Protein backbone atom coordinates (compact mmCIF):
# COMPACT_ATOMS: atom_id res chain seq x y z
CA MET A 1 111.42 -44.72 17.27
CA GLY A 2 109.32 -46.55 14.69
CA PHE A 3 110.74 -47.75 11.41
CA LEU A 4 109.13 -47.16 8.06
CA PHE A 5 108.74 -50.12 5.74
CA LEU A 6 107.19 -49.48 2.35
CA SER A 7 107.12 -52.20 -0.28
CA PHE A 8 106.16 -51.36 -3.84
CA SER A 9 106.00 -53.86 -6.66
CA SER A 10 106.31 -51.52 -9.64
CA GLY A 11 109.87 -52.51 -10.57
CA LEU A 12 111.65 -49.41 -9.28
CA PHE A 13 115.12 -50.88 -9.88
CA ALA A 14 114.47 -52.46 -13.28
CA GLN A 15 116.50 -51.10 -16.18
CA ARG A 16 114.19 -51.89 -19.08
CA LYS A 17 113.23 -49.55 -21.90
CA THR A 18 109.71 -50.98 -21.96
CA PRO A 19 108.41 -51.66 -18.45
CA ILE A 20 106.56 -54.90 -17.89
CA PRO A 21 103.02 -54.05 -16.81
CA ALA A 22 101.91 -55.28 -13.40
CA PRO A 23 99.23 -57.96 -13.27
CA PRO A 24 95.72 -56.53 -13.23
CA VAL A 25 94.13 -55.96 -9.84
CA PRO A 26 91.20 -58.38 -9.36
CA SER A 27 87.91 -56.89 -8.24
CA VAL A 28 88.13 -58.81 -4.95
CA TYR A 29 91.40 -60.21 -3.61
CA TYR A 30 91.87 -62.31 -0.48
CA PRO A 31 95.32 -63.03 0.92
CA GLY A 32 96.59 -66.54 1.46
CA ASN A 33 97.58 -67.90 4.84
CA GLY A 34 100.22 -66.36 7.07
CA SER A 35 102.78 -64.35 5.11
CA ASP A 36 101.17 -65.17 1.76
CA TRP A 37 99.84 -61.65 1.37
CA GLU A 38 100.59 -59.66 -1.77
CA THR A 39 101.95 -56.12 -1.66
CA ARG A 40 101.05 -53.66 -4.41
CA SER A 41 102.37 -50.17 -5.04
CA PRO A 42 100.09 -47.24 -4.24
CA GLU A 43 99.98 -46.36 -7.95
CA GLU A 44 98.61 -49.78 -8.86
CA LEU A 45 95.77 -49.26 -6.42
CA GLY A 46 94.92 -45.69 -7.33
CA MET A 47 96.86 -43.99 -4.55
CA ASP A 48 99.65 -41.44 -4.35
CA LYS A 49 102.95 -42.84 -3.02
CA VAL A 50 104.16 -39.59 -1.46
CA LYS A 51 100.92 -39.01 0.39
CA ILE A 52 100.94 -42.60 1.70
CA GLN A 53 104.44 -41.97 3.03
CA GLU A 54 103.15 -38.82 4.71
CA ALA A 55 100.35 -40.77 6.38
CA VAL A 56 102.76 -43.41 7.65
CA SER A 57 105.20 -40.79 8.94
CA PHE A 58 102.32 -39.10 10.75
CA ALA A 59 101.36 -42.37 12.48
CA ILE A 60 104.93 -42.94 13.63
CA GLN A 61 105.23 -39.38 14.98
CA GLN A 62 101.95 -39.60 16.92
CA GLU A 63 103.04 -42.25 19.39
CA SER A 64 100.92 -42.56 22.52
CA GLU A 65 102.40 -40.82 25.53
CA ASN A 66 101.46 -43.70 27.85
CA PRO A 67 104.29 -45.92 29.13
CA ARG A 68 105.27 -48.87 26.97
CA ASN A 69 105.16 -51.05 30.05
CA MET A 70 101.47 -51.98 30.00
CA GLU A 71 101.36 -52.87 33.70
CA ILE A 72 102.74 -49.44 34.67
CA SER A 73 100.33 -47.84 32.18
CA HIS A 74 97.46 -49.69 33.85
CA TYR A 75 98.32 -48.42 37.33
CA GLN A 76 98.55 -44.88 35.99
CA SER A 77 94.99 -45.12 34.60
CA PHE A 78 92.42 -47.86 35.30
CA GLY A 79 94.44 -49.13 38.25
CA LYS A 80 93.41 -46.03 40.18
CA GLU A 81 89.76 -47.13 40.16
CA PRO A 82 88.20 -48.95 43.15
CA PHE A 83 89.24 -52.62 43.05
CA GLY A 84 91.50 -51.64 40.14
CA GLN A 85 94.27 -54.15 40.78
CA GLY A 86 95.37 -56.12 37.72
CA ILE A 87 94.21 -59.73 37.64
CA GLY A 88 95.38 -60.60 34.14
CA LEU A 89 98.58 -60.75 32.12
CA PHE A 90 100.34 -57.61 30.87
CA LYS A 91 102.96 -57.33 28.14
CA GLU A 92 105.30 -54.48 27.29
CA ARG A 93 104.25 -53.03 23.96
CA GLY A 94 106.31 -52.19 20.92
CA SER A 95 106.72 -49.07 18.80
CA PRO A 96 103.91 -47.43 16.79
CA SER A 97 103.01 -50.00 14.16
CA GLY A 98 100.42 -50.60 11.51
CA VAL A 99 99.44 -51.58 8.02
CA ILE A 100 97.33 -50.07 5.24
CA ILE A 101 95.23 -52.47 3.15
CA ARG A 102 93.64 -51.31 -0.12
CA LYS A 103 91.41 -53.72 -2.07
CA GLY A 104 92.88 -56.48 0.05
CA TYR A 105 96.52 -55.74 -0.82
CA ILE A 106 99.17 -54.38 1.51
CA VAL A 107 100.01 -50.83 0.46
CA ALA A 108 102.30 -49.94 3.35
CA SER A 109 103.39 -51.14 6.77
CA TRP A 110 105.44 -49.56 9.53
CA GLY A 111 106.96 -50.30 12.90
CA GLU A 112 106.65 -53.92 14.00
CA PRO A 113 103.47 -55.21 12.33
CA ASP A 114 104.32 -58.84 13.14
CA ARG A 115 104.85 -58.14 16.85
CA VAL A 116 102.26 -59.66 19.19
CA ASP A 117 100.94 -57.04 21.61
CA MET A 118 97.90 -56.47 23.77
CA THR A 119 95.05 -55.01 21.75
CA HIS A 120 92.86 -54.11 24.73
CA SER A 121 89.22 -53.49 23.77
CA VAL A 122 89.55 -54.57 20.15
CA THR A 123 89.08 -57.88 21.99
CA LYS A 124 85.42 -56.93 22.35
CA SER A 125 84.96 -57.22 18.58
CA PHE A 126 86.32 -60.77 18.73
CA LEU A 127 83.97 -61.51 21.63
CA SER A 128 80.90 -60.19 19.82
CA THR A 129 81.99 -62.27 16.82
CA THR A 130 81.65 -65.45 18.92
CA VAL A 131 78.11 -64.30 19.75
CA GLY A 132 77.50 -63.78 16.03
CA LEU A 133 78.72 -67.29 15.27
CA ALA A 134 76.26 -68.64 17.86
CA PHE A 135 73.45 -66.54 16.39
CA ASP A 136 74.17 -67.71 12.84
CA ARG A 137 73.97 -71.34 14.02
CA GLY A 138 70.72 -70.90 15.91
CA LEU A 139 72.34 -71.32 19.33
CA ILE A 140 70.94 -67.87 20.17
CA PRO A 141 67.72 -67.72 18.12
CA ASP A 142 66.62 -64.27 19.29
CA LEU A 143 68.97 -61.47 20.37
CA HIS A 144 66.04 -59.70 22.01
CA ALA A 145 65.28 -62.65 24.29
CA PRO A 146 66.30 -62.39 27.96
CA ALA A 147 69.76 -63.87 28.40
CA TYR A 148 68.84 -65.57 31.68
CA ALA A 149 66.58 -68.03 29.86
CA ALA A 150 69.61 -69.72 28.28
CA MET A 151 71.83 -69.83 31.36
CA ALA A 152 72.81 -72.94 33.29
CA PRO A 153 74.03 -72.77 36.92
CA ILE A 154 77.70 -71.74 36.99
CA ALA A 155 80.17 -73.52 39.25
CA VAL A 156 83.18 -71.28 39.85
CA ILE A 157 86.51 -72.97 40.56
CA ASP A 158 87.37 -72.62 44.24
CA PRO A 159 90.70 -74.11 45.39
CA ASP A 160 89.06 -75.32 48.61
CA PRO A 161 85.29 -74.94 48.32
CA PHE A 162 84.53 -76.48 51.72
CA ALA A 163 87.10 -74.56 53.76
CA ASN A 164 85.34 -72.40 56.34
CA ARG A 165 82.03 -73.56 54.93
CA PRO A 166 80.24 -72.83 58.22
CA ASP A 167 81.17 -69.17 57.74
CA ARG A 168 79.30 -69.21 54.43
CA ILE A 169 76.41 -71.46 55.22
CA GLY A 170 73.25 -70.35 53.47
CA GLN A 171 75.17 -68.45 50.80
CA PRO A 172 74.78 -69.55 47.15
CA MET A 173 77.20 -72.24 45.99
CA LEU A 174 76.50 -71.50 42.31
CA LEU A 175 76.86 -68.26 40.38
CA ASP A 176 73.67 -66.83 38.85
CA LEU A 177 74.42 -63.86 36.59
CA PHE A 178 70.79 -62.84 36.18
CA ALA A 179 69.23 -63.53 39.58
CA SER A 180 67.86 -60.04 40.30
CA ASN A 181 64.59 -58.77 38.87
CA HIS A 182 66.51 -56.06 37.03
CA ASN A 183 69.05 -58.46 35.49
CA ARG A 184 66.34 -60.86 34.31
CA LYS A 185 65.15 -58.17 31.88
CA ILE A 186 68.53 -57.96 30.14
CA THR A 187 68.69 -59.30 26.59
CA TRP A 188 71.63 -60.36 24.41
CA ASP A 189 71.14 -57.17 22.42
CA HIS A 190 71.47 -55.06 25.58
CA LEU A 191 74.74 -56.81 26.46
CA LEU A 192 76.12 -56.42 22.93
CA ARG A 193 75.31 -52.71 22.87
CA GLN A 194 76.46 -51.96 26.44
CA THR A 195 73.01 -50.74 27.45
CA SER A 196 72.19 -53.46 30.01
CA ASP A 197 73.05 -51.64 33.27
CA TRP A 198 73.72 -55.11 34.69
CA GLU A 199 74.11 -55.03 38.47
CA GLY A 200 76.39 -57.23 40.53
CA VAL A 201 79.93 -58.40 41.16
CA LEU A 202 81.81 -60.68 38.76
CA TRP A 203 85.33 -62.03 39.26
CA GLY A 204 85.83 -59.70 42.20
CA LYS A 205 84.90 -56.54 40.26
CA PRO A 206 81.66 -54.68 41.14
CA ASP A 207 79.87 -53.18 38.14
CA TRP A 208 80.18 -49.68 39.62
CA ALA A 209 83.99 -49.95 40.03
CA ASP A 210 84.66 -49.69 36.29
CA ARG A 211 84.81 -46.01 35.36
CA PRO A 212 83.02 -45.10 38.62
CA ALA A 213 80.77 -42.08 38.95
CA ALA A 214 82.40 -38.92 40.27
CA ASN A 215 80.13 -39.00 43.33
CA PRO A 216 80.96 -42.04 45.52
CA ALA A 217 77.50 -41.87 47.05
CA GLU A 218 76.13 -43.12 43.72
CA TRP A 219 78.36 -46.17 43.46
CA GLN A 220 76.18 -48.68 45.28
CA ASN A 221 72.86 -46.96 45.75
CA ARG A 222 71.80 -45.27 42.52
CA PRO A 223 68.53 -46.26 40.85
CA ARG A 224 68.96 -48.76 38.02
CA LYS A 225 68.26 -47.68 34.45
CA GLU A 226 65.88 -49.69 32.32
CA PRO A 227 67.88 -52.05 30.08
CA GLY A 228 68.28 -50.52 26.64
CA SER A 229 67.64 -46.96 27.79
CA ALA A 230 71.20 -45.79 28.52
CA TYR A 231 74.69 -46.58 27.19
CA GLU A 232 77.61 -47.14 29.53
CA TYR A 233 80.98 -48.54 28.51
CA ASN A 234 81.69 -51.10 31.23
CA ASP A 235 84.09 -54.05 31.19
CA VAL A 236 82.43 -55.91 34.08
CA ARG A 237 79.32 -56.23 31.93
CA VAL A 238 81.42 -57.21 28.93
CA ASN A 239 82.75 -60.10 31.01
CA VAL A 240 79.16 -61.04 31.85
CA LEU A 241 78.57 -61.44 28.12
CA ALA A 242 81.74 -63.53 27.77
CA LEU A 243 80.63 -65.91 30.52
CA ALA A 244 77.08 -66.13 29.14
CA THR A 245 78.46 -66.88 25.67
CA LEU A 246 80.73 -69.59 27.10
CA ASN A 247 77.60 -71.21 28.52
CA ILE A 248 76.00 -71.19 25.05
CA TRP A 249 79.00 -72.72 23.26
CA ARG A 250 80.02 -75.00 26.15
CA ARG A 251 83.61 -74.86 24.91
CA PRO A 252 86.40 -72.23 25.27
CA LEU A 253 85.67 -69.15 23.19
CA PRO A 254 89.26 -68.88 21.84
CA GLU A 255 88.74 -72.38 20.43
CA VAL A 256 85.49 -71.26 18.78
CA LEU A 257 87.16 -68.16 17.33
CA ARG A 258 90.13 -70.13 16.02
CA GLU A 259 88.03 -72.82 14.31
CA TYR A 260 85.42 -70.60 12.68
CA ILE A 261 87.26 -67.30 12.09
CA MET A 262 91.00 -67.10 12.63
CA ASP A 263 92.05 -70.29 10.83
CA PRO A 264 89.71 -69.70 7.84
CA ILE A 265 91.04 -66.13 7.35
CA GLY A 266 94.63 -67.41 7.43
CA ALA A 267 95.67 -65.77 10.69
CA SER A 268 99.04 -66.65 12.16
CA PRO A 269 99.32 -69.06 15.12
CA THR A 270 100.79 -66.27 17.29
CA TRP A 271 97.60 -64.78 18.75
CA TRP A 272 96.40 -65.64 22.26
CA TRP A 273 93.18 -64.73 24.07
CA PHE A 274 93.57 -64.62 27.84
CA GLY A 275 91.06 -64.37 30.65
CA TYR A 276 91.88 -63.39 34.21
CA GLN A 277 93.58 -65.48 36.85
CA ASN A 278 90.29 -66.19 38.64
CA PHE A 279 88.11 -66.69 35.53
CA TRP A 280 87.77 -70.46 35.90
CA VAL A 281 84.57 -72.52 35.92
CA VAL A 282 83.60 -76.18 35.78
CA LEU A 283 81.65 -76.94 32.61
CA ASP A 284 80.63 -80.47 31.63
CA GLY A 285 83.26 -81.87 33.98
CA GLN A 286 86.04 -79.74 32.48
CA MET A 287 87.95 -76.82 33.96
CA ILE A 288 87.54 -73.93 31.49
CA GLN A 289 88.68 -70.32 31.59
CA SER A 290 86.14 -67.65 30.73
CA VAL A 291 87.98 -65.04 28.66
CA SER A 292 87.89 -61.30 29.20
CA GLY A 293 86.47 -58.83 26.72
CA GLY A 294 89.39 -56.43 26.96
CA GLY A 295 92.55 -55.53 28.83
CA HIS A 296 90.92 -53.35 31.49
CA TRP A 297 92.62 -55.35 34.26
CA GLY A 298 95.09 -57.14 31.97
CA GLY A 299 94.49 -60.07 29.66
CA GLY A 300 92.36 -59.97 26.52
CA MET A 301 93.58 -60.59 22.98
CA PHE A 302 97.33 -60.54 22.30
CA ILE A 303 97.77 -60.28 18.52
CA ASN A 304 99.85 -58.76 15.72
CA ALA A 305 98.82 -56.01 13.30
CA TYR A 306 98.59 -58.31 10.28
CA ASP A 307 96.08 -60.57 12.01
CA MET A 308 94.11 -57.52 13.15
CA ALA A 309 94.05 -56.40 9.52
CA ARG A 310 92.71 -59.79 8.43
CA PHE A 311 89.87 -59.47 10.90
CA GLY A 312 89.16 -55.91 9.76
CA TYR A 313 89.15 -57.09 6.15
CA LEU A 314 86.65 -59.83 7.05
CA THR A 315 84.28 -57.18 8.41
CA LEU A 316 84.92 -54.99 5.36
CA ARG A 317 83.86 -57.93 3.16
CA ARG A 318 80.69 -58.34 5.27
CA GLY A 319 81.72 -61.63 6.81
CA ASN A 320 82.84 -63.24 3.54
CA TRP A 321 86.26 -64.81 3.00
CA LYS A 322 86.97 -66.21 -0.43
CA ASP A 323 84.12 -68.66 -1.11
CA ARG A 324 82.88 -68.88 2.49
CA GLN A 325 80.44 -66.76 4.46
CA LEU A 326 82.08 -66.97 7.89
CA LEU A 327 79.72 -64.43 9.48
CA SER A 328 76.30 -63.73 8.05
CA GLU A 329 75.65 -60.42 6.35
CA ASP A 330 72.67 -60.07 8.68
CA TRP A 331 75.08 -60.13 11.62
CA ILE A 332 77.35 -57.49 10.10
CA ASP A 333 74.29 -55.32 9.38
CA MET A 334 73.16 -55.57 13.00
CA ALA A 335 76.67 -54.92 14.32
CA CYS A 336 76.79 -51.72 12.24
CA THR A 337 73.31 -50.52 13.23
CA PRO A 338 73.48 -47.51 15.58
CA THR A 339 72.44 -48.06 19.17
CA PRO A 340 69.49 -45.75 19.96
CA ALA A 341 71.05 -44.67 23.27
CA GLN A 342 74.46 -44.14 21.61
CA PRO A 343 74.24 -43.69 17.81
CA THR A 344 78.03 -43.90 17.36
CA TYR A 345 78.11 -47.45 18.77
CA GLY A 346 76.87 -50.70 17.28
CA PHE A 347 77.65 -54.10 18.74
CA MET A 348 80.83 -54.16 20.76
CA ASN A 349 83.28 -52.96 19.62
CA TYR A 350 82.02 -51.45 16.36
CA PHE A 351 82.39 -47.67 16.61
CA LEU A 352 80.22 -46.03 13.95
CA ASN A 353 80.88 -42.75 12.20
CA THR A 354 77.25 -41.65 12.47
CA GLU A 355 76.90 -38.08 11.22
CA LYS A 356 80.73 -38.10 11.00
CA LYS A 357 80.92 -37.41 14.72
CA LEU A 358 83.90 -39.66 15.49
CA LEU A 359 86.02 -39.26 12.35
CA PRO A 360 85.05 -36.05 10.51
CA SER A 361 87.43 -36.85 7.64
CA ALA A 362 85.97 -40.30 6.98
CA PRO A 363 82.81 -41.38 5.14
CA GLU A 364 79.76 -41.78 7.34
CA LYS A 365 79.57 -45.52 6.54
CA ALA A 366 83.09 -46.13 7.84
CA PHE A 367 83.50 -47.80 11.23
CA TYR A 368 86.36 -48.99 13.39
CA HIS A 369 87.21 -51.52 16.05
CA LEU A 370 88.92 -49.67 18.90
CA GLY A 371 90.99 -50.49 21.95
CA ASN A 372 92.97 -48.51 24.47
CA GLY A 373 96.46 -47.64 23.37
CA ALA A 374 95.12 -46.48 20.94
CA ASN A 375 94.63 -49.61 18.84
CA MET A 376 92.43 -48.93 15.82
CA VAL A 377 91.20 -51.14 13.00
CA TYR A 378 89.62 -48.67 10.57
CA VAL A 379 87.20 -50.20 8.05
CA ASP A 380 86.05 -48.13 5.07
CA PRO A 381 83.74 -49.98 2.63
CA GLU A 382 83.34 -46.91 0.41
CA ASN A 383 87.08 -46.78 -0.32
CA ASP A 384 87.80 -50.53 0.04
CA LEU A 385 90.27 -49.65 2.75
CA VAL A 386 91.47 -51.07 6.07
CA ILE A 387 93.96 -49.28 8.32
CA VAL A 388 95.47 -50.84 11.43
CA ALA A 389 97.20 -48.30 13.65
CA ARG A 390 98.71 -49.25 16.99
CA TRP A 391 99.96 -47.10 19.84
CA ILE A 392 98.95 -43.73 18.45
CA LYS A 393 97.28 -40.89 20.29
CA ASN A 394 93.49 -40.97 20.31
CA ASN A 395 93.28 -37.51 18.78
CA ALA A 396 95.55 -38.60 15.92
CA MET A 397 93.17 -41.23 14.52
CA ASP A 398 91.26 -38.80 12.31
CA GLY A 399 94.51 -37.23 11.13
CA LEU A 400 95.80 -40.61 9.97
CA VAL A 401 92.55 -41.37 8.16
CA GLN A 402 92.53 -37.89 6.60
CA ARG A 403 96.08 -38.31 5.24
CA THR A 404 95.39 -41.79 3.90
CA LEU A 405 92.21 -40.71 2.13
CA ALA A 406 94.11 -37.75 0.67
CA ALA A 407 96.28 -40.30 -1.13
CA MET A 408 93.28 -41.52 -3.14
CA LYS A 409 93.64 -40.37 -6.72
């Protein structure tokens, strides 16, 4: 059962004949580091307190029906796929939790917002952010260039690479992600938009094993689609992007994210970004783990709701934090541009409300970062609003947004 925590700063218990007015709300507020985050009452921010309470109660009541044990939940869902065994870490989740941010201030929180849990495919938004950081620095000059042109040979860690070598003589000793004629046409933009149709096996997972077609005859022998022509949500290909981006940065991606994003936005030190047990390569003489883009087989980003809200607020502010442009506005614009083959998807994992198809109650310019669970980071520039909701039913997301927007005076 979740617990409701609402903090209002309007002096409810003061016994003064003339109330002291609250400080004015600045046009743009950014929280300090860690717990240095101001709470304001709904009334101060142009919202109705009772309706906010109704929205929070709704989120608590709409808890996901999946098991709280994430490993058991995996084997009841994705674990049933071919080669679906977990190869990453799992963590038992907490109760439905979240936070509502209006004009940068905390309006309400519920459950266990400081609890570190898996966030599943919200991890993809952190991954695409590391690509954006590389793009902004000129490490990837052209997103429409073939990705293979920037790839070095990849040496995968093998505990005993020369054991039974005669059995493998003539087989490649280095991993080439883009060796086939089809894969050499794939661009960074295709990978970011999940329209690459990359073919192959990575980390023991064939591309066709993730959300496989209903007809097994199509798994290994179907014709390939031209990159960019068709959208398919596929975590094997997400992990291709993660490994390609590691090659560009030549340093662990969690380190990149921490230095350029998470520390500058004041995130706590409690988040961790895990890869899979076999995601290890040798790069510049160092043993480095390539992270995963989600929790499809375990792993991914483990993070609390407050830090998720900070990231959502960064994207609401178009990459700006205080006096620093951490991500370029050009990058945010591209991330929020509809994919031709899937207009409700931008760069991973920006889900767009194009024609209000995903969230009928929300403005069309709203978007959200989404992961299984459901874990949602709702971003609404029109209403200067961020909502983090964790462990709610997928079909309850619009209901939560609807109730929160109804609180706007």
